[in-house]
Amino acid sequence: MSYTNPDPEPERTTGLEPGGGVPPGETPPAESSLPEAGPREVHNPTKGWAKAPLTLILLLVVLVAAGFLAYAIALML
């Protein structure tokens, strides 16, 4: 890969004062992104919940719901 400088060139950028400053009321030039920035994607782990924690949470929800149902039935008798 070849490296490219992401900064704007002051000689070719309009609205810059000598030395690279921006006069009052002028919008500074946008900075381009860095093509080599960030980590290399060698390993891309999966996103989301693991099976064991999700199963335990669902089991807990079912048990709590069954408890409420049993309590409601006991109140009716």
Protein backbone atom coordinates (compact mmCIF):
# COMPACT_ATOMS: atom_id res chain seq x y z
CA MET A 1 0.00 0.00 0.00
CA SER A 2 1.17 3.49 -0.67
CA TYR A 3 0.85 6.22 1.90
CA THR A 4 -1.11 9.35 1.00
CA ASN A 5 -1.08 12.45 3.15
CA PRO A 6 -4.66 13.09 4.35
CA ASP A 7 -4.05 16.78 5.12
CA PRO A 8 -5.10 19.41 2.56
CA GLU A 9 -2.32 21.19 0.71
CA PRO A 10 -2.21 24.83 1.92
CA GLU A 11 -1.04 26.17 -1.45
CA ARG A 12 -4.06 24.73 -3.24
CA THR A 13 -6.73 25.19 -0.54
CA THR A 14 -8.86 28.33 -0.73
CA GLY A 15 -9.71 30.32 2.37
CA LEU A 16 -6.44 29.74 4.21
CA GLU A 17 -4.18 32.53 5.38
CA PRO A 18 -0.41 32.27 4.97
CA GLY A 19 0.80 29.78 7.54
CA GLY A 20 -2.32 27.62 7.31
CA GLY A 21 -4.68 29.62 9.56
CA VAL A 22 -8.36 30.15 8.79
CA PRO A 23 -9.72 33.72 8.74
CA PRO A 24 -12.72 34.56 10.98
CA GLY A 25 -16.04 33.47 9.44
CA GLU A 26 -14.43 30.95 7.11
CA THR A 27 -15.11 27.22 7.37
CA PRO A 28 -11.91 25.20 7.68
CA PRO A 29 -11.28 22.57 4.99
CA ALA A 30 -12.44 19.05 5.73
CA GLU A 31 -9.87 16.48 6.67
CA SER A 32 -9.91 13.33 4.62
CA SER A 33 -10.00 9.92 6.26
CA LEU A 34 -6.92 7.87 6.89
CA PRO A 35 -6.91 4.75 4.71
CA GLU A 36 -4.52 2.85 6.99
CA ALA A 37 -6.22 3.85 10.27
CA GLY A 38 -7.63 1.24 12.61
CA PRO A 39 -6.73 -2.32 13.42
CA ARG A 40 -6.21 -4.90 10.74
CA GLU A 41 -9.11 -7.30 10.46
CA VAL A 42 -7.39 -10.61 11.00
CA HIS A 43 -10.03 -12.13 13.27
CA ASN A 44 -13.66 -11.05 13.21
CA PRO A 45 -15.42 -12.53 16.24
CA THR A 46 -19.14 -13.18 16.06
CA LYS A 47 -21.49 -10.64 17.55
CA GLY A 48 -24.42 -11.43 19.78
CA TRP A 49 -25.25 -13.60 22.75
CA ALA A 50 -23.59 -16.91 23.48
CA LYS A 51 -25.90 -19.92 23.64
CA ALA A 52 -25.38 -20.78 27.33
CA PRO A 53 -26.21 -17.33 28.84
CA LEU A 54 -29.18 -16.92 26.52
CA THR A 55 -30.52 -20.36 27.47
CA LEU A 56 -30.14 -19.59 31.19
CA ILE A 57 -31.96 -16.27 30.83
CA LEU A 58 -34.81 -17.88 28.88
CA LEU A 59 -35.06 -20.67 31.48
CA LEU A 60 -35.26 -18.11 34.27
CA VAL A 61 -38.00 -16.19 32.43
CA VAL A 62 -40.02 -19.39 31.92
CA LEU A 63 -39.64 -20.35 35.60
CA VAL A 64 -40.76 -16.90 36.80
CA ALA A 65 -43.73 -16.95 34.42
CA ALA A 66 -44.69 -20.45 35.63
CA GLY A 67 -44.45 -19.23 39.23
CA PHE A 68 -46.78 -16.32 38.53
CA LEU A 69 -49.21 -18.65 36.75
CA ALA A 70 -49.16 -21.12 39.65
CA TYR A 71 -49.73 -18.26 42.12
CA ALA A 72 -52.68 -16.95 40.08
CA ILE A 73 -54.23 -20.44 39.94
CA ALA A 74 -53.74 -20.91 43.71
CA LEU A 75 -55.54 -17.60 44.38
CA MET A 76 -58.56 -18.78 42.36
CA LEU A 77 -58.99 -21.99 44.35
